[in-house]
């Protein structure tokens, strides 16, 4: 028997700041809420604690707070990180998961091609079965690529590289 944990990455108000630019997947937050409503296993909330002076994700700023969709969450673990991977935060996530016999990870959050993808890659490298709920993530355009292009590239990289399965909210709930 395997145990799955839902890990919600950086679902924070600071990503509503217009400085990020145009995003994809306007339904991401609704899908995160659907995941929360259906989830019965361990729940982990990860927060990006930026050290950049002008970032809306800095601790102490309103943007560092979780989005309202997480208000009803009853997490088993909440912690911050300063880099992309949730495995490199204030908590040894790998040790926490292994101590609970968790072998499967379901990931959602922000940004698809940054913290979600990096966490999926590290999780896959560590031997977890990783599923990324792509329709419960979003990102922003970067350089000459649109948010949609980056999201598709992330799905291709994770699936093609054997790091993670790409699933939908419907697949999980």
Protein backbone atom coordinates (compact mmCIF):
# COMPACT_ATOMS: atom_id res chain seq x y z
CA UNK A 1 0.00 0.00 0.00
CA UNK A 2 1.30 3.43 -0.90
CA UNK A 3 0.58 6.68 0.80
CA UNK A 4 0.20 9.89 -1.18
CA UNK A 5 0.74 13.45 -0.02
CA UNK A 6 -0.69 16.54 -1.66
CA UNK A 7 1.93 19.27 -1.80
CA UNK A 8 0.70 22.74 -2.68
CA UNK A 9 3.59 24.94 -3.70
CA UNK A 10 3.65 28.74 -3.39
CA UNK A 11 -0.11 29.34 -3.70
CA UNK A 12 0.48 32.90 -2.51
CA UNK A 13 -1.20 36.28 -2.95
CA UNK A 14 2.00 37.87 -4.24
CA UNK A 15 1.54 36.10 -7.57
CA UNK A 16 -1.50 38.32 -8.18
CA UNK A 17 0.85 41.32 -8.48
CA UNK A 18 0.67 42.71 -12.04
CA UNK A 19 4.48 42.96 -12.18
CA UNK A 20 4.63 39.24 -12.99
CA UNK A 21 2.96 39.81 -16.35
CA UNK A 22 0.40 37.72 -18.17
CA UNK A 23 -0.37 34.30 -16.73
CA UNK A 24 -1.95 31.19 -18.11
CA UNK A 25 -4.66 28.93 -16.68
CA UNK A 26 -7.13 31.28 -14.99
CA UNK A 27 -8.86 28.22 -13.46
CA UNK A 28 -5.83 27.07 -11.46
CA UNK A 29 -7.04 28.35 -8.10
CA UNK A 30 -10.47 26.74 -8.56
CA UNK A 31 -8.73 23.44 -9.29
CA UNK A 32 -6.52 23.82 -6.22
CA UNK A 33 -9.72 24.31 -4.18
CA UNK A 34 -11.23 21.16 -5.76
CA UNK A 35 -8.11 19.19 -4.82
CA UNK A 36 -8.33 20.44 -1.24
CA UNK A 37 -12.02 19.56 -0.99
CA UNK A 38 -11.42 16.00 -2.17
CA UNK A 39 -8.07 15.28 -0.48
CA UNK A 40 -8.04 12.98 2.55
CA UNK A 41 -4.33 12.20 2.90
CA UNK A 42 -1.41 14.20 4.22
CA UNK A 43 -1.35 17.83 3.09
CA UNK A 44 1.78 19.98 2.82
CA UNK A 45 1.73 23.72 2.17
CA UNK A 46 4.94 25.33 0.97
CA UNK A 47 5.49 29.09 0.89
CA UNK A 48 8.15 31.00 -1.05
CA UNK A 49 9.90 33.42 1.31
CA UNK A 50 11.70 35.70 -1.13
CA UNK A 51 14.85 37.52 -0.09
CA UNK A 52 14.59 39.99 -3.01
CA UNK A 53 13.99 43.53 -1.68
CA UNK A 54 11.14 44.40 -4.08
CA UNK A 55 9.43 41.03 -4.16
CA UNK A 56 5.77 40.77 -3.15
CA UNK A 57 6.66 37.32 -1.75
CA UNK A 58 8.90 38.68 1.03
CA UNK A 59 7.99 37.60 4.58
CA UNK A 60 5.95 40.27 6.32
CA UNK A 61 4.31 41.40 3.07
CA UNK A 62 0.65 40.65 2.31
CA UNK A 63 1.82 38.86 -0.84
CA UNK A 64 3.63 36.27 1.26
CA UNK A 65 0.29 35.02 2.62
CA UNK A 66 -1.46 32.05 1.06
CA UNK A 67 -4.32 32.73 -1.35
CA UNK A 68 -7.87 32.56 0.07
CA UNK A 69 -8.44 29.14 -1.54
CA UNK A 70 -6.14 27.71 1.14
CA UNK A 71 -8.00 29.30 4.07
CA UNK A 72 -9.94 26.07 4.68
CA UNK A 73 -6.84 23.88 4.45
CA UNK A 74 -5.84 21.83 7.49
CA UNK A 75 -2.22 21.06 6.64
CA UNK A 76 -0.04 18.43 8.24
CA UNK A 77 3.04 20.53 7.49
CA UNK A 78 3.61 24.18 6.53
CA UNK A 79 7.03 25.65 5.82
CA UNK A 80 8.91 28.25 3.82
CA UNK A 81 11.68 28.02 1.29
CA UNK A 82 13.96 30.51 -0.44
CA UNK A 83 14.80 28.47 -3.55
CA UNK A 84 12.76 26.66 -6.19
CA UNK A 85 12.55 23.14 -4.78
CA UNK A 86 10.32 22.36 -1.82
CA UNK A 87 12.93 19.73 -0.93
CA UNK A 88 15.37 22.55 -0.09
CA UNK A 89 13.35 24.56 2.42
CA UNK A 90 13.21 25.19 6.15
CA UNK A 91 12.14 21.56 6.67
CA UNK A 92 13.81 18.39 5.43
CA UNK A 93 10.79 17.41 3.32
CA UNK A 94 12.34 14.13 2.17
CA UNK A 95 12.89 12.99 5.77
CA UNK A 96 9.38 14.14 6.78
CA UNK A 97 7.79 12.17 3.92
CA UNK A 98 9.86 9.01 4.47
CA UNK A 99 9.14 9.03 8.22
CA UNK A 100 5.43 8.79 7.32
CA UNK A 101 5.85 6.12 4.65
CA UNK A 102 4.82 8.50 1.87
CA UNK A 103 5.95 7.31 -1.54
CA UNK A 104 3.63 9.22 -3.89
CA UNK A 105 3.48 12.98 -4.33
CA UNK A 106 0.70 15.00 -5.92
CA UNK A 107 1.96 18.49 -6.75
CA UNK A 108 0.13 21.68 -7.66
CA UNK A 109 0.80 25.40 -7.31
CA UNK A 110 2.78 28.28 -8.72
CA UNK A 111 4.86 28.65 -10.94
CA UNK A 112 4.48 25.65 -13.22
CA UNK A 113 7.93 25.93 -14.80
CA UNK A 114 9.78 27.08 -11.71
CA UNK A 115 9.01 25.75 -8.23
CA UNK A 116 6.50 23.07 -9.26
CA UNK A 117 8.78 21.68 -11.96
CA UNK A 118 11.90 21.83 -9.78
CA UNK A 119 10.13 20.08 -6.89
CA UNK A 120 8.86 17.40 -9.29
CA UNK A 121 12.34 16.82 -10.70
CA UNK A 122 13.96 16.52 -7.27
CA UNK A 123 11.12 14.28 -6.04
CA UNK A 124 11.52 12.04 -9.07
CA UNK A 125 15.29 11.90 -8.53
CA UNK A 126 14.68 10.87 -4.91
CA UNK A 127 12.52 7.95 -6.05
CA UNK A 128 9.02 9.26 -5.35
CA UNK A 129 6.15 8.60 -7.71
CA UNK A 130 5.30 12.19 -8.66
CA UNK A 131 2.10 13.42 -10.27
CA UNK A 132 1.83 17.04 -11.34
CA UNK A 133 -1.74 18.34 -11.56
CA UNK A 134 -1.07 20.64 -14.50
CA UNK A 135 -4.49 22.31 -14.51
CA UNK A 136 -3.93 23.29 -10.86
CA UNK A 137 -0.77 25.24 -11.71
CA UNK A 138 -0.04 28.47 -13.53
CA UNK A 139 2.92 30.48 -14.69
CA UNK A 140 3.87 33.67 -16.50
CA UNK A 141 5.57 34.36 -19.81
CA UNK A 142 9.35 34.50 -19.66
CA UNK A 143 11.72 36.02 -22.19
CA UNK A 144 10.31 35.08 -25.62
CA UNK A 145 8.02 32.25 -24.46
CA UNK A 146 4.40 32.60 -23.42
CA UNK A 147 3.04 31.15 -20.20
CA UNK A 148 1.22 28.49 -22.23
CA UNK A 149 4.42 27.50 -24.04
CA UNK A 150 6.30 27.23 -20.75
CA UNK A 151 3.55 25.10 -19.22
CA UNK A 152 3.60 22.73 -22.21
CA UNK A 153 7.40 22.56 -22.06
CA UNK A 154 7.25 21.71 -18.35
CA UNK A 155 4.77 18.90 -19.03
CA UNK A 156 7.00 17.56 -21.81
CA UNK A 157 10.17 17.80 -19.70
CA UNK A 158 8.66 16.08 -16.68
CA UNK A 159 6.85 13.34 -18.59
CA UNK A 160 9.58 12.80 -21.20
CA UNK A 161 12.36 12.85 -18.63
CA UNK A 162 10.59 10.32 -16.42
CA UNK A 163 10.36 12.72 -13.48
CA UNK A 164 6.57 12.84 -13.17
CA UNK A 165 3.21 11.92 -14.58
CA UNK A 166 1.10 14.81 -15.84
CA UNK A 167 -2.49 14.55 -14.60
CA UNK A 168 -5.59 16.71 -14.30
CA UNK A 169 -7.66 17.66 -11.28
CA UNK A 170 -10.36 15.27 -12.53
CA UNK A 171 -7.81 12.42 -12.54
CA UNK A 172 -7.00 13.07 -8.87
CA UNK A 173 -10.46 13.79 -7.47
